[in-house]
C-alpha atoms as a PDB file:
ATOM      1  CA  UNK A   1     -14.502   3.932   1.948  1.00  0.00           C
ATOM      2  CA  UNK A   2     -11.141   5.626   2.571  1.00  0.00           C
ATOM      3  CA  UNK A   3      -8.236   3.387   1.554  1.00  0.00           C
ATOM      4  CA  UNK A   4      -4.622   4.294   2.249  1.00  0.00           C
ATOM      5  CA  UNK A   5      -1.852   2.388   0.517  1.00  0.00           C
ATOM      6  CA  UNK A   6       1.549   2.795   2.187  1.00  0.00           C
ATOM      7  CA  UNK A   7       4.150   2.503  -0.573  1.00  0.00           C
ATOM      8  CA  UNK A   8       3.542   3.512  -4.179  1.00  0.00           C
ATOM      9  CA  UNK A   9       5.869   1.091  -5.928  1.00  0.00           C
ATOM     10  CA  UNK A  10       4.707  -1.437  -8.494  1.00  0.00           C
ATOM     11  CA  UNK A  11       2.531  -3.294  -5.959  1.00  0.00           C
ATOM     12  CA  UNK A  12       1.165  -0.324  -4.028  1.00  0.00           C
ATOM     13  CA  UNK A  13       0.294   1.767  -7.061  1.00  0.00           C
ATOM     14  CA  UNK A  14      -1.397  -1.182  -8.758  1.00  0.00           C
ATOM     15  CA  UNK A  15      -3.545  -1.765  -5.658  1.00  0.00           C
ATOM     16  CA  UNK A  16      -4.276   1.960  -5.355  1.00  0.00           C
ATOM     17  CA  UNK A  17      -5.499   2.220  -8.948  1.00  0.00           C
ATOM     18  CA  UNK A  18      -7.573  -0.952  -8.573  1.00  0.00           C
ATOM     19  CA  UNK A  19      -9.218   0.339  -5.393  1.00  0.00           C
ATOM     20  CA  UNK A  20      -9.912   3.745  -6.969  1.00  0.00           C
ATOM     21  CA  UNK A  21     -11.395   2.082 -10.058  1.00  0.00           C
ATOM     22  CA  UNK A  22     -13.640   0.082  -7.705  1.00  0.00           C
ATOM     23  CA  UNK A  23     -15.040   3.355  -6.367  1.00  0.00           C
ATOM     24  CA  UNK A  24     -13.000   3.867  -3.206  1.00  0.00           C
ATOM     25  CA  UNK A  25     -11.278   7.113  -2.248  1.00  0.00           C
ATOM     26  CA  UNK A  26      -7.590   6.249  -2.264  1.00  0.00           C
ATOM     27  CA  UNK A  27      -4.573   7.933  -0.760  1.00  0.00           C
ATOM     28  CA  UNK A  28      -1.193   6.691  -1.917  1.00  0.00           C
ATOM     29  CA  UNK A  29       1.314   7.375   0.853  1.00  0.00           C
ATOM     30  CA  UNK A  30       5.000   7.387  -0.013  1.00  0.00           C
ATOM     31  CA  UNK A  31       8.169   8.940   1.425  1.00  0.00           C
ATOM     32  CA  UNK A  32       9.494   9.974  -1.999  1.00  0.00           C
ATOM     33  CA  UNK A  33       8.210  13.513  -2.613  1.00  0.00           C
ATOM     34  CA  UNK A  34       9.382  13.517  -6.252  1.00  0.00           C
ATOM     35  CA  UNK A  35       7.391  10.339  -6.924  1.00  0.00           C
ATOM     36  CA  UNK A  36       4.343  11.812  -5.171  1.00  0.00           C
ATOM     37  CA  UNK A  37       4.512  14.911  -7.397  1.00  0.00           C
ATOM     38  CA  UNK A  38       4.781  12.780 -10.528  1.00  0.00           C
ATOM     39  CA  UNK A  39       1.859  10.559  -9.519  1.00  0.00           C
ATOM     40  CA  UNK A  40      -0.358  13.554  -8.790  1.00  0.00           C
ATOM     41  CA  UNK A  41       0.566  14.935 -12.224  1.00  0.00           C
ATOM     42  CA  UNK A  42      -0.545  11.693 -13.883  1.00  0.00           C
ATOM     43  CA  UNK A  43       2.941  10.345 -14.530  1.00  0.00           C
ATOM     44  CA  UNK A  44       3.065   6.606 -13.912  1.00  0.00           C
ATOM     45  CA  UNK A  45       6.364   4.849 -13.250  1.00  0.00           C
ATOM     46  CA  UNK A  46       5.116   1.299 -13.628  1.00  0.00           C
ATOM     47  CA  UNK A  47       4.078  -0.945 -16.460  1.00  0.00           C
ATOM     48  CA  UNK A  48       0.359  -1.542 -16.692  1.00  0.00           C
ATOM     49  CA  UNK A  49      -0.760   1.806 -15.246  1.00  0.00           C
ATOM     50  CA  UNK A  50      -1.091   4.475 -17.919  1.00  0.00           C
ATOM     51  CA  UNK A  51      -0.557   8.137 -17.216  1.00  0.00           C
ATOM     52  CA  UNK A  52      -4.014   8.939 -18.575  1.00  0.00           C
ATOM     53  CA  UNK A  53      -5.608   6.385 -16.239  1.00  0.00           C
ATOM     54  CA  UNK A  54      -3.704   7.719 -13.239  1.00  0.00           C
ATOM     55  CA  UNK A  55      -4.343  11.342 -14.189  1.00  0.00           C
ATOM     56  CA  UNK A  56      -8.049  10.665 -14.650  1.00  0.00           C
ATOM     57  CA  UNK A  57      -8.345   9.156 -11.191  1.00  0.00           C
ATOM     58  CA  UNK A  58      -6.441  12.078  -9.664  1.00  0.00           C
ATOM     59  CA  UNK A  59      -8.564  14.630 -11.526  1.00  0.00           C
ATOM     60  CA  UNK A  60     -11.761  12.871 -10.398  1.00  0.00           C
ATOM     61  CA  UNK A  61     -10.570  13.016  -6.778  1.00  0.00           C
ATOM     62  CA  UNK A  62     -10.463   9.227  -6.467  1.00  0.00           C
ATOM     63  CA  UNK A  63      -6.668   9.053  -6.033  1.00  0.00           C
ATOM     64  CA  UNK A  64      -4.198  11.343  -4.338  1.00  0.00           C
ATOM     65  CA  UNK A  65      -0.543  10.668  -3.643  1.00  0.00           C
ATOM     66  CA  UNK A  66       0.993  12.271  -0.558  1.00  0.00           C
ATOM     67  CA  UNK A  67       3.873  12.202   1.897  1.00  0.00           C
ATOM     68  CA  UNK A  68       1.559  13.358   4.724  1.00  0.00           C
ATOM     69  CA  UNK A  69       1.171  10.450   7.140  1.00  0.00           C
ATOM     70  CA  UNK A  70      -1.460  12.367   9.124  1.00  0.00           C
ATOM     71  CA  UNK A  71      -3.915  11.393   6.370  1.00  0.00           C
ATOM     72  CA  UNK A  72      -3.790   7.843   7.750  1.00  0.00           C
ATOM     73  CA  UNK A  73      -6.093   9.006  10.542  1.00  0.00           C
ATOM     74  CA  UNK A  74      -9.242   8.827   8.377  1.00  0.00           C
ATOM     75  CA  UNK A  75      -8.445   5.419   6.845  1.00  0.00           C
ATOM     76  CA  UNK A  76     -10.942   2.586   6.894  1.00  0.00           C
ATOM     77  CA  UNK A  77      -8.463   0.252   5.183  1.00  0.00           C
ATOM     78  CA  UNK A  78      -4.664   0.483   5.253  1.00  0.00           C
ATOM     79  CA  UNK A  79      -2.518  -1.613   2.950  1.00  0.00           C
ATOM     80  CA  UNK A  80       1.183  -1.999   3.688  1.00  0.00           C
ATOM     81  CA  UNK A  81       2.924  -2.402   0.317  1.00  0.00           C
ATOM     82  CA  UNK A  82       6.538  -1.569   1.056  1.00  0.00           C
ATOM     83  CA  UNK A  83       9.741  -3.285  -0.077  1.00  0.00           C
ATOM     84  CA  UNK A  84      11.173  -6.199   1.895  1.00  0.00           C
ATOM     85  CA  UNK A  85      14.701  -6.662   0.586  1.00  0.00           C
ATOM     86  CA  UNK A  86      17.256  -9.068   1.980  1.00  0.00           C
ATOM     87  CA  UNK A  87      20.054  -7.980   4.282  1.00  0.00           C
ATOM     88  CA  UNK A  88      23.686  -8.677   3.434  1.00  0.00           C
ATOM     89  CA  UNK A  89      23.262 -11.861   5.536  1.00  0.00           C
ATOM     90  CA  UNK A  90      20.335 -12.846   3.236  1.00  0.00           C
ATOM     91  CA  UNK A  91      17.779 -12.353   6.015  1.00  0.00           C
ATOM     92  CA  UNK A  92      14.512 -10.433   5.518  1.00  0.00           C
ATOM     93  CA  UNK A  93      14.959  -6.698   6.089  1.00  0.00           C
ATOM     94  CA  UNK A  94      11.704  -5.610   7.721  1.00  0.00           C
ATOM     95  CA  UNK A  95      12.791  -2.009   8.301  1.00  0.00           C
ATOM     96  CA  UNK A  96      10.304  -0.645   5.753  1.00  0.00           C
ATOM     97  CA  UNK A  97       7.498  -2.647   7.369  1.00  0.00           C
ATOM     98  CA  UNK A  98       8.532  -1.339  10.797  1.00  0.00           C
ATOM     99  CA  UNK A  99       8.473   2.229   9.436  1.00  0.00           C
ATOM    100  CA  UNK A 100       4.953   1.674   8.062  1.00  0.00           C
ATOM    101  CA  UNK A 101       3.825   0.222  11.395  1.00  0.00           C
ATOM    102  CA  UNK A 102       5.218   3.276  13.197  1.00  0.00           C
ATOM    103  CA  UNK A 103       3.210   5.565  10.895  1.00  0.00           C
ATOM    104  CA  UNK A 104       0.061   3.572  11.667  1.00  0.00           C
ATOM    105  CA  UNK A 105       0.742   3.524  15.412  1.00  0.00           C
ATOM    106  CA  UNK A 106       1.354   7.286  15.492  1.00  0.00           C
ATOM    107  CA  UNK A 107      -1.568   8.353  13.288  1.00  0.00           C
ATOM    108  CA  UNK A 108      -4.448   5.865  13.398  1.00  0.00           C
ATOM    109  CA  UNK A 109      -6.663   6.096  16.478  1.00  0.00           C
ATOM    110  CA  UNK A 110      -9.884   4.539  15.088  1.00  0.00           C
ATOM    111  CA  UNK A 111     -10.267   0.869  14.184  1.00  0.00           C
ATOM    112  CA  UNK A 112      -9.196   0.029  10.637  1.00  0.00           C
ATOM    113  CA  UNK A 113      -8.511  -3.034   8.536  1.00  0.00           C
ATOM    114  CA  UNK A 114      -4.739  -3.329   8.158  1.00  0.00           C
ATOM    115  CA  UNK A 115      -3.527  -5.564   5.338  1.00  0.00           C
ATOM    116  CA  UNK A 116       0.067  -6.639   4.832  1.00  0.00           C
ATOM    117  CA  UNK A 117       0.764  -6.979   1.121  1.00  0.00           C
ATOM    118  CA  UNK A 118       4.557  -6.853   1.487  1.00  0.00           C
ATOM    119  CA  UNK A 119       6.394 -10.081   0.842  1.00  0.00           C
ATOM    120  CA  UNK A 120       7.442 -11.571   4.168  1.00  0.00           C
ATOM    121  CA  UNK A 121       7.655 -14.801   6.105  1.00  0.00           C
ATOM    122  CA  UNK A 122       4.730 -16.514   7.904  1.00  0.00           C
ATOM    123  CA  UNK A 123       3.990 -14.859  11.222  1.00  0.00           C
ATOM    124  CA  UNK A 124       5.035 -11.357  10.146  1.00  0.00           C
ATOM    125  CA  UNK A 125       1.514  -9.996  10.424  1.00  0.00           C
ATOM    126  CA  UNK A 126       0.933 -11.384  13.915  1.00  0.00           C
ATOM    127  CA  UNK A 127       4.427 -11.063  15.407  1.00  0.00           C
ATOM    128  CA  UNK A 128       5.861  -7.990  13.676  1.00  0.00           C
ATOM    129  CA  UNK A 129       2.885  -5.836  12.670  1.00  0.00           C
ATOM    130  CA  UNK A 130      -0.105  -6.444  14.976  1.00  0.00           C
ATOM    131  CA  UNK A 131       2.116  -6.863  18.026  1.00  0.00           C
ATOM    132  CA  UNK A 132       3.619  -3.398  17.461  1.00  0.00           C
ATOM    133  CA  UNK A 133       0.323  -1.521  17.008  1.00  0.00           C
ATOM    134  CA  UNK A 134      -1.244  -0.905  20.390  1.00  0.00           C
ATOM    135  CA  UNK A 135      -4.101   1.091  21.848  1.00  0.00           C
ATOM    136  CA  UNK A 136      -6.685   0.443  19.131  1.00  0.00           C
ATOM    137  CA  UNK A 137      -8.421  -2.786  18.165  1.00  0.00           C
ATOM    138  CA  UNK A 138      -7.750  -3.106  14.443  1.00  0.00           C
ATOM    139  CA  UNK A 139      -8.634  -5.951  12.111  1.00  0.00           C
ATOM    140  CA  UNK A 140      -5.694  -7.574  10.348  1.00  0.00           C
ATOM    141  CA  UNK A 141      -5.274  -9.518   7.125  1.00  0.00           C
ATOM    142  CA  UNK A 142      -2.418 -10.778   5.029  1.00  0.00           C
ATOM    143  CA  UNK A 143      -2.584 -10.880   1.267  1.00  0.00           C
ATOM    144  CA  UNK A 144      -0.027 -12.542  -0.955  1.00  0.00           C
ATOM    145  CA  UNK A 145       1.513 -10.255  -3.525  1.00  0.00           C
ATOM    146  CA  UNK A 146      -0.646 -10.457  -6.643  1.00  0.00           C
ATOM    147  CA  UNK A 147       1.414  -8.243  -8.946  1.00  0.00           C
ATOM    148  CA  UNK A 148       3.847  -9.887 -11.330  1.00  0.00           C
ATOM    149  CA  UNK A 149       5.231  -7.222 -13.674  1.00  0.00           C
ATOM    150  CA  UNK A 150       5.309  -8.343 -17.287  1.00  0.00           C
ATOM    151  CA  UNK A 151       3.080 -11.374 -16.728  1.00  0.00           C
ATOM    152  CA  UNK A 152       0.357 -11.182 -19.369  1.00  0.00           C
ATOM    153  CA  UNK A 153      -1.573 -14.236 -18.145  1.00  0.00           C
ATOM    154  CA  UNK A 154      -2.056 -13.516 -14.428  1.00  0.00           C
ATOM    155  CA  UNK A 155      -2.871 -10.182 -12.774  1.00  0.00           C
ATOM    156  CA  UNK A 156      -4.497  -8.744  -9.679  1.00  0.00           C
ATOM    157  CA  UNK A 157      -8.006  -9.687 -10.810  1.00  0.00           C
ATOM    158  CA  UNK A 158      -7.491 -13.261 -12.002  1.00  0.00           C
ATOM    159  CA  UNK A 159      -4.760 -14.650  -9.726  1.00  0.00           C
ATOM    160  CA  UNK A 160      -6.405 -17.442  -7.730  1.00  0.00           C
ATOM    161  CA  UNK A 161      -6.300 -17.282  -3.952  1.00  0.00           C
ATOM    162  CA  UNK A 162      -6.242 -20.509  -1.994  1.00  0.00           C
END
């Protein structure tokens, strides 16, 4: 299965490594070309992902970081894991989500499962993501963020979902 994770921050990279370790071919899409180069060289920027682990996955062909959004075209699963900061008015800034949606709209022409992992308010998936992607019948899912940097008790594998 081809999995593309949009955003290679602490959430996106953690998901990417988990999916690659589960046997999926993973592409980590990010706009930061310096970060992409570091990731492909096995240099991790987040706690909990070692450089040797990342480098091993890259060397085995299970993980590749890129800035090339055209690689979204072959995705079976797309995870949106981009930042959602607050505006100066303390409202959710969805501009990174909108940018990810535009990449999907412009590059994905076959049905895929699109998962929003970015922190956002209820209804974001339906009203802000799915409503903006037209022309192809995708499946959609929302997943609460399961990465809590520094938390030694709960992680992506043992955080309960209700």
